[in-house]
Amino acid sequence: MDPKLLEILVCPVSKTKLIFDKEKQELISTSAHLAYPIRDGIPILLEDEARAISAEEADAFHKHKA
């Protein structure tokens, strides 16, 4: 994922920054508790396409980023 692109992308639901999960190829919104897929290098920032993540999973990403 291009770091410059990651700097400008935000969650369409919460309008907060996203965290790139390289292993799962997802962009994580810890505030909206959603994980947006990346398909063929293209982030799919649609709420309907995102998977819900648990509060624990969101906290783990939040702590990992810090």
PDB file of N, CA and C in Angstrom:
ATOM      1  N   MET A   1       0.863  -1.181   0.000  1.00  0.00           N
ATOM      2  CA  MET A   1       0.000   0.000   0.000  1.00  0.00           C
ATOM      3  C   MET A   1       0.897   1.227   0.000  1.00  0.00           C
ATOM      4  N   ASP A   2       0.630   2.134  -0.882  1.00  0.00           N
ATOM      5  CA  ASP A   2       1.400   3.366  -0.992  1.00  0.00           C
ATOM      6  C   ASP A   2       1.214   4.216   0.262  1.00  0.00           C
ATOM      7  N   PRO A   3       2.317   4.510   0.979  1.00  0.00           N
ATOM      8  CA  PRO A   3       2.194   5.298   2.214  1.00  0.00           C
ATOM      9  C   PRO A   3       1.549   6.672   2.003  1.00  0.00           C
ATOM     10  N   LYS A   4       1.801   7.294   0.856  1.00  0.00           N
ATOM     11  CA  LYS A   4       1.197   8.609   0.581  1.00  0.00           C
ATOM     12  C   LYS A   4      -0.314   8.484   0.427  1.00  0.00           C
ATOM     13  N   LEU A   5      -0.760   7.416  -0.198  1.00  0.00           N
ATOM     14  CA  LEU A   5      -2.197   7.179  -0.347  1.00  0.00           C
ATOM     15  C   LEU A   5      -2.830   6.919   1.020  1.00  0.00           C
ATOM     16  N   LEU A   6      -2.139   6.144   1.841  1.00  0.00           N
ATOM     17  CA  LEU A   6      -2.645   5.842   3.178  1.00  0.00           C
ATOM     18  C   LEU A   6      -2.788   7.105   4.024  1.00  0.00           C
ATOM     19  N   GLU A   7      -1.934   8.080   3.798  1.00  0.00           N
ATOM     20  CA  GLU A   7      -2.003   9.346   4.543  1.00  0.00           C
ATOM     21  C   GLU A   7      -3.287  10.118   4.256  1.00  0.00           C
ATOM     22  N   ILE A   8      -3.801  10.010   3.032  1.00  0.00           N
ATOM     23  CA  ILE A   8      -4.967  10.824   2.665  1.00  0.00           C
ATOM     24  C   ILE A   8      -6.295  10.076   2.751  1.00  0.00           C
ATOM     25  N   LEU A   9      -6.247   8.744   2.794  1.00  0.00           N
ATOM     26  CA  LEU A   9      -7.488   7.976   2.888  1.00  0.00           C
ATOM     27  C   LEU A   9      -8.057   8.043   4.303  1.00  0.00           C
ATOM     28  N   VAL A  10      -9.361   8.152   4.387  1.00  0.00           N
ATOM     29  CA  VAL A  10     -10.052   8.120   5.677  1.00  0.00           C
ATOM     30  C   VAL A  10     -11.245   7.186   5.578  1.00  0.00           C
ATOM     31  N   CYS A  11     -11.705   6.742   6.714  1.00  0.00           N
ATOM     32  CA  CYS A  11     -12.889   5.898   6.778  1.00  0.00           C
ATOM     33  C   CYS A  11     -14.101   6.717   6.323  1.00  0.00           C
ATOM     34  N   PRO A  12     -14.887   6.205   5.389  1.00  0.00           N
ATOM     35  CA  PRO A  12     -16.059   6.956   4.937  1.00  0.00           C
ATOM     36  C   PRO A  12     -17.152   7.075   6.006  1.00  0.00           C
ATOM     37  N   VAL A  13     -17.106   6.233   7.021  1.00  0.00           N
ATOM     38  CA  VAL A  13     -18.114   6.268   8.085  1.00  0.00           C
ATOM     39  C   VAL A  13     -17.708   7.241   9.185  1.00  0.00           C
ATOM     40  N   SER A  14     -16.485   7.074   9.704  1.00  0.00           N
ATOM     41  CA  SER A  14     -16.052   7.875  10.860  1.00  0.00           C
ATOM     42  C   SER A  14     -15.174   9.072  10.491  1.00  0.00           C
ATOM     43  N   LYS A  15     -14.703   9.109   9.256  1.00  0.00           N
ATOM     44  CA  LYS A  15     -13.813  10.185   8.768  1.00  0.00           C
ATOM     45  C   LYS A  15     -12.478  10.220   9.529  1.00  0.00           C
ATOM     46  N   THR A  16     -12.050   9.060  10.038  1.00  0.00           N
ATOM     47  CA  THR A  16     -10.780   8.963  10.753  1.00  0.00           C
ATOM     48  C   THR A  16      -9.767   8.202   9.899  1.00  0.00           C
ATOM     49  N   LYS A  17      -8.502   8.319  10.282  1.00  0.00           N
ATOM     50  CA  LYS A  17      -7.433   7.639   9.549  1.00  0.00           C
ATOM     51  C   LYS A  17      -7.598   6.132   9.615  1.00  0.00           C
ATOM     52  N   LEU A  18      -7.041   5.473   8.611  1.00  0.00           N
ATOM     53  CA  LEU A  18      -7.118   4.022   8.507  1.00  0.00           C
ATOM     54  C   LEU A  18      -5.752   3.397   8.785  1.00  0.00           C
ATOM     55  N   ILE A  19      -5.757   2.173   9.268  1.00  0.00           N
ATOM     56  CA  ILE A  19      -4.530   1.427   9.534  1.00  0.00           C
ATOM     57  C   ILE A  19      -4.454   0.290   8.527  1.00  0.00           C
ATOM     58  N   PHE A  20      -3.311   0.162   7.867  1.00  0.00           N
ATOM     59  CA  PHE A  20      -3.116  -0.876   6.862  1.00  0.00           C
ATOM     60  C   PHE A  20      -2.717  -2.183   7.531  1.00  0.00           C
ATOM     61  N   ASP A  21      -3.496  -3.226   7.294  1.00  0.00           N
ATOM     62  CA  ASP A  21      -3.170  -4.573   7.766  1.00  0.00           C
ATOM     63  C   ASP A  21      -2.619  -5.329   6.561  1.00  0.00           C
ATOM     64  N   LYS A  22      -1.287  -5.415   6.509  1.00  0.00           N
ATOM     65  CA  LYS A  22      -0.621  -6.035   5.356  1.00  0.00           C
ATOM     66  C   LYS A  22      -0.981  -7.514   5.232  1.00  0.00           C
ATOM     67  N   GLU A  23      -1.050  -8.210   6.370  1.00  0.00           N
ATOM     68  CA  GLU A  23      -1.315  -9.648   6.363  1.00  0.00           C
ATOM     69  C   GLU A  23      -2.667  -9.980   5.738  1.00  0.00           C
ATOM     70  N   LYS A  24      -3.701  -9.229   6.106  1.00  0.00           N
ATOM     71  CA  LYS A  24      -5.055  -9.501   5.605  1.00  0.00           C
ATOM     72  C   LYS A  24      -5.434  -8.643   4.408  1.00  0.00           C
ATOM     73  N   GLN A  25      -4.546  -7.711   4.016  1.00  0.00           N
ATOM     74  CA  GLN A  25      -4.837  -6.788   2.914  1.00  0.00           C
ATOM     75  C   GLN A  25      -6.161  -6.069   3.158  1.00  0.00           C
ATOM     76  N   GLU A  26      -6.195  -5.378   4.303  1.00  0.00           N
ATOM     77  CA  GLU A  26      -7.372  -4.605   4.688  1.00  0.00           C
ATOM     78  C   GLU A  26      -6.941  -3.260   5.251  1.00  0.00           C
ATOM     79  N   LEU A  27      -7.858  -2.317   5.190  1.00  0.00           N
ATOM     80  CA  LEU A  27      -7.684  -1.026   5.860  1.00  0.00           C
ATOM     81  C   LEU A  27      -8.640  -1.029   7.045  1.00  0.00           C
ATOM     82  N   ILE A  28      -8.084  -0.794   8.218  1.00  0.00           N
ATOM     83  CA  ILE A  28      -8.837  -0.914   9.460  1.00  0.00           C
ATOM     84  C   ILE A  28      -9.241   0.465   9.980  1.00  0.00           C
ATOM     85  N   SER A  29     -10.524   0.599  10.302  1.00  0.00           N
ATOM     86  CA  SER A  29     -11.024   1.780  10.987  1.00  0.00           C
ATOM     87  C   SER A  29     -11.336   1.368  12.414  1.00  0.00           C
ATOM     88  N   THR A  30     -10.460   1.775  13.349  1.00  0.00           N
ATOM     89  CA  THR A  30     -10.671   1.376  14.742  1.00  0.00           C
ATOM     90  C   THR A  30     -11.865   2.094  15.358  1.00  0.00           C
ATOM     91  N   SER A  31     -12.188   3.287  14.883  1.00  0.00           N
ATOM     92  CA  SER A  31     -13.317   4.018  15.471  1.00  0.00           C
ATOM     93  C   SER A  31     -14.661   3.501  14.957  1.00  0.00           C
ATOM     94  N   ALA A  32     -14.721   3.060  13.708  1.00  0.00           N
ATOM     95  CA  ALA A  32     -15.976   2.536  13.151  1.00  0.00           C
ATOM     96  C   ALA A  32     -16.080   1.014  13.314  1.00  0.00           C
ATOM     97  N   HIS A  33     -15.003   0.380  13.769  1.00  0.00           N
ATOM     98  CA  HIS A  33     -14.947  -1.081  13.937  1.00  0.00           C
ATOM     99  C   HIS A  33     -15.248  -1.785  12.618  1.00  0.00           C
ATOM    100  N   LEU A  34     -14.565  -1.304  11.552  1.00  0.00           N
ATOM    101  CA  LEU A  34     -14.738  -1.891  10.223  1.00  0.00           C
ATOM    102  C   LEU A  34     -13.375  -2.165   9.595  1.00  0.00           C
ATOM    103  N   ALA A  35     -13.338  -3.205   8.759  1.00  0.00           N
ATOM    104  CA  ALA A  35     -12.143  -3.539   7.990  1.00  0.00           C
ATOM    105  C   ALA A  35     -12.530  -3.532   6.517  1.00  0.00           C
ATOM    106  N   TYR A  36     -11.925  -2.622   5.759  1.00  0.00           N
ATOM    107  CA  TYR A  36     -12.213  -2.485   4.332  1.00  0.00           C
ATOM    108  C   TYR A  36     -11.226  -3.322   3.524  1.00  0.00           C
ATOM    109  N   PRO A  37     -11.721  -4.109   2.572  1.00  0.00           N
ATOM    110  CA  PRO A  37     -10.819  -4.959   1.795  1.00  0.00           C
ATOM    111  C   PRO A  37     -10.007  -4.158   0.770  1.00  0.00           C
ATOM    112  N   ILE A  38      -8.857  -4.718   0.427  1.00  0.00           N
ATOM    113  CA  ILE A  38      -8.055  -4.193  -0.671  1.00  0.00           C
ATOM    114  C   ILE A  38      -8.012  -5.302  -1.713  1.00  0.00           C
ATOM    115  N   ARG A  39      -8.538  -5.025  -2.895  1.00  0.00           N
ATOM    116  CA  ARG A  39      -8.594  -6.024  -3.963  1.00  0.00           C
ATOM    117  C   ARG A  39      -7.771  -5.548  -5.149  1.00  0.00           C
ATOM    118  N   ASP A  40      -6.810  -6.361  -5.546  1.00  0.00           N
ATOM    119  CA  ASP A  40      -5.913  -6.022  -6.665  1.00  0.00           C
ATOM    120  C   ASP A  40      -5.271  -4.660  -6.453  1.00  0.00           C
ATOM    121  N   GLY A  41      -4.913  -4.368  -5.198  1.00  0.00           N
ATOM    122  CA  GLY A  41      -4.245  -3.112  -4.870  1.00  0.00           C
ATOM    123  C   GLY A  41      -5.168  -1.912  -4.745  1.00  0.00           C
ATOM    124  N   ILE A  42      -6.477  -2.135  -4.862  1.00  0.00           N
ATOM    125  CA  ILE A  42      -7.444  -1.033  -4.808  1.00  0.00           C
ATOM    126  C   ILE A  42      -8.263  -1.126  -3.521  1.00  0.00           C
ATOM    127  N   PRO A  43      -8.183  -0.089  -2.662  1.00  0.00           N
ATOM    128  CA  PRO A  43      -9.004  -0.096  -1.450  1.00  0.00           C
ATOM    129  C   PRO A  43     -10.490   0.049  -1.795  1.00  0.00           C
ATOM    130  N   ILE A  44     -11.304  -0.826  -1.241  1.00  0.00           N
ATOM    131  CA  ILE A  44     -12.754  -0.788  -1.457  1.00  0.00           C
ATOM    132  C   ILE A  44     -13.370  -0.137  -0.218  1.00  0.00           C
ATOM    133  N   LEU A  45     -13.542   1.172  -0.279  1.00  0.00           N
ATOM    134  CA  LEU A  45     -14.009   1.925   0.882  1.00  0.00           C
ATOM    135  C   LEU A  45     -15.524   2.103   0.863  1.00  0.00           C
ATOM    136  N   LEU A  46     -16.212   0.988   0.823  1.00  0.00           N
ATOM    137  CA  LEU A  46     -17.673   0.969   0.865  1.00  0.00           C
ATOM    138  C   LEU A  46     -18.104   0.252   2.134  1.00  0.00           C
ATOM    139  N   GLU A  47     -18.994   0.872   2.877  1.00  0.00           N
ATOM    140  CA  GLU A  47     -19.449   0.282   4.132  1.00  0.00           C
ATOM    141  C   GLU A  47     -20.046  -1.113   3.915  1.00  0.00           C
ATOM    142  N   ASP A  48     -20.755  -1.297   2.806  1.00  0.00           N
ATOM    143  CA  ASP A  48     -21.369  -2.593   2.506  1.00  0.00           C
ATOM    144  C   ASP A  48     -20.342  -3.689   2.243  1.00  0.00           C
ATOM    145  N   GLU A  49     -19.136  -3.306   1.813  1.00  0.00           N
ATOM    146  CA  GLU A  49     -18.080  -4.276   1.510  1.00  0.00           C
ATOM    147  C   GLU A  49     -17.193  -4.563   2.723  1.00  0.00           C
ATOM    148  N   ALA A  50     -17.265  -3.713   3.726  1.00  0.00           N
ATOM    149  CA  ALA A  50     -16.403  -3.857   4.905  1.00  0.00           C
ATOM    150  C   ALA A  50     -16.921  -4.959   5.814  1.00  0.00           C
ATOM    151  N   ARG A  51     -15.985  -5.555   6.550  1.00  0.00           N
ATOM    152  CA  ARG A  51     -16.395  -6.539   7.562  1.00  0.00           C
ATOM    153  C   ARG A  51     -16.300  -5.877   8.924  1.00  0.00           C
ATOM    154  N   ALA A  52     -17.233  -6.230   9.768  1.00  0.00           N
ATOM    155  CA  ALA A  52     -17.230  -5.688  11.131  1.00  0.00           C
ATOM    156  C   ALA A  52     -16.111  -6.357  11.924  1.00  0.00           C
ATOM    157  N   ILE A  53     -15.441  -5.560  12.750  1.00  0.00           N
ATOM    158  CA  ILE A  53     -14.425  -6.121  13.643  1.00  0.00           C
ATOM    159  C   ILE A  53     -14.868  -5.880  15.086  1.00  0.00           C
ATOM    160  N   SER A  54     -14.428  -6.752  15.951  1.00  0.00           N
ATOM    161  CA  SER A  54     -14.805  -6.637  17.361  1.00  0.00           C
ATOM    162  C   SER A  54     -14.065  -5.469  18.008  1.00  0.00           C
ATOM    163  N   ALA A  55     -14.560  -5.052  19.149  1.00  0.00           N
ATOM    164  CA  ALA A  55     -13.897  -3.993  19.908  1.00  0.00           C
ATOM    165  C   ALA A  55     -12.491  -4.429  20.299  1.00  0.00           C
ATOM    166  N   GLU A  56     -12.327  -5.712  20.624  1.00  0.00           N
ATOM    167  CA  GLU A  56     -11.014  -6.237  21.001  1.00  0.00           C
ATOM    168  C   GLU A  56     -10.041  -6.171  19.822  1.00  0.00           C
ATOM    169  N   GLU A  57     -10.525  -6.541  18.633  1.00  0.00           N
ATOM    170  CA  GLU A  57      -9.680  -6.487  17.436  1.00  0.00           C
ATOM    171  C   GLU A  57      -9.303  -5.040  17.122  1.00  0.00           C
ATOM    172  N   ALA A  58     -10.250  -4.127  17.248  1.00  0.00           N
ATOM    173  CA  ALA A  58      -9.971  -2.710  17.001  1.00  0.00           C
ATOM    174  C   ALA A  58      -8.933  -2.190  18.011  1.00  0.00           C
ATOM    175  N   ASP A  59      -9.094  -2.576  19.278  1.00  0.00           N
ATOM    176  CA  ASP A  59      -8.124  -2.152  20.305  1.00  0.00           C
ATOM    177  C   ASP A  59      -6.732  -2.687  20.003  1.00  0.00           C
ATOM    178  N   ALA A  60      -6.651  -3.933  19.522  1.00  0.00           N
ATOM    179  CA  ALA A  60      -5.357  -4.523  19.201  1.00  0.00           C
ATOM    180  C   ALA A  60      -4.669  -3.743  18.082  1.00  0.00           C
ATOM    181  N   PHE A  61      -5.416  -3.330  17.063  1.00  0.00           N
ATOM    182  CA  PHE A  61      -4.835  -2.530  15.987  1.00  0.00           C
ATOM    183  C   PHE A  61      -4.433  -1.152  16.491  1.00  0.00           C
ATOM    184  N   HIS A  62      -5.267  -0.583  17.337  1.00  0.00           N
ATOM    185  CA  HIS A  62      -4.990   0.747  17.884  1.00  0.00           C
ATOM    186  C   HIS A  62      -3.701   0.719  18.701  1.00  0.00           C
ATOM    187  N   LYS A  63      -3.528  -0.306  19.511  1.00  0.00           N
ATOM    188  CA  LYS A  63      -2.320  -0.443  20.342  1.00  0.00           C
ATOM    189  C   LYS A  63      -1.103  -0.759  19.488  1.00  0.00           C
ATOM    190  N   HIS A  64      -1.291  -1.582  18.449  1.00  0.00           N
ATOM    191  CA  HIS A  64      -0.186  -1.950  17.564  1.00  0.00           C
ATOM    192  C   HIS A  64       0.366  -0.737  16.832  1.00  0.00           C
ATOM    193  N   LYS A  65      -0.521   0.173  16.473  1.00  0.00           N
ATOM    194  CA  LYS A  65      -0.114   1.383  15.746  1.00  0.00           C
ATOM    195  C   LYS A  65       0.649   2.334  16.663  1.00  0.00           C
ATOM    196  N   ALA A  66       0.275   2.382  17.921  1.00  0.00           N
ATOM    197  CA  ALA A  66       0.880   3.327  18.883  1.00  0.00           C
ATOM    198  C   ALA A  66       2.314   2.980  19.215  1.00  0.00           C
TER     199      ALA A  66
END
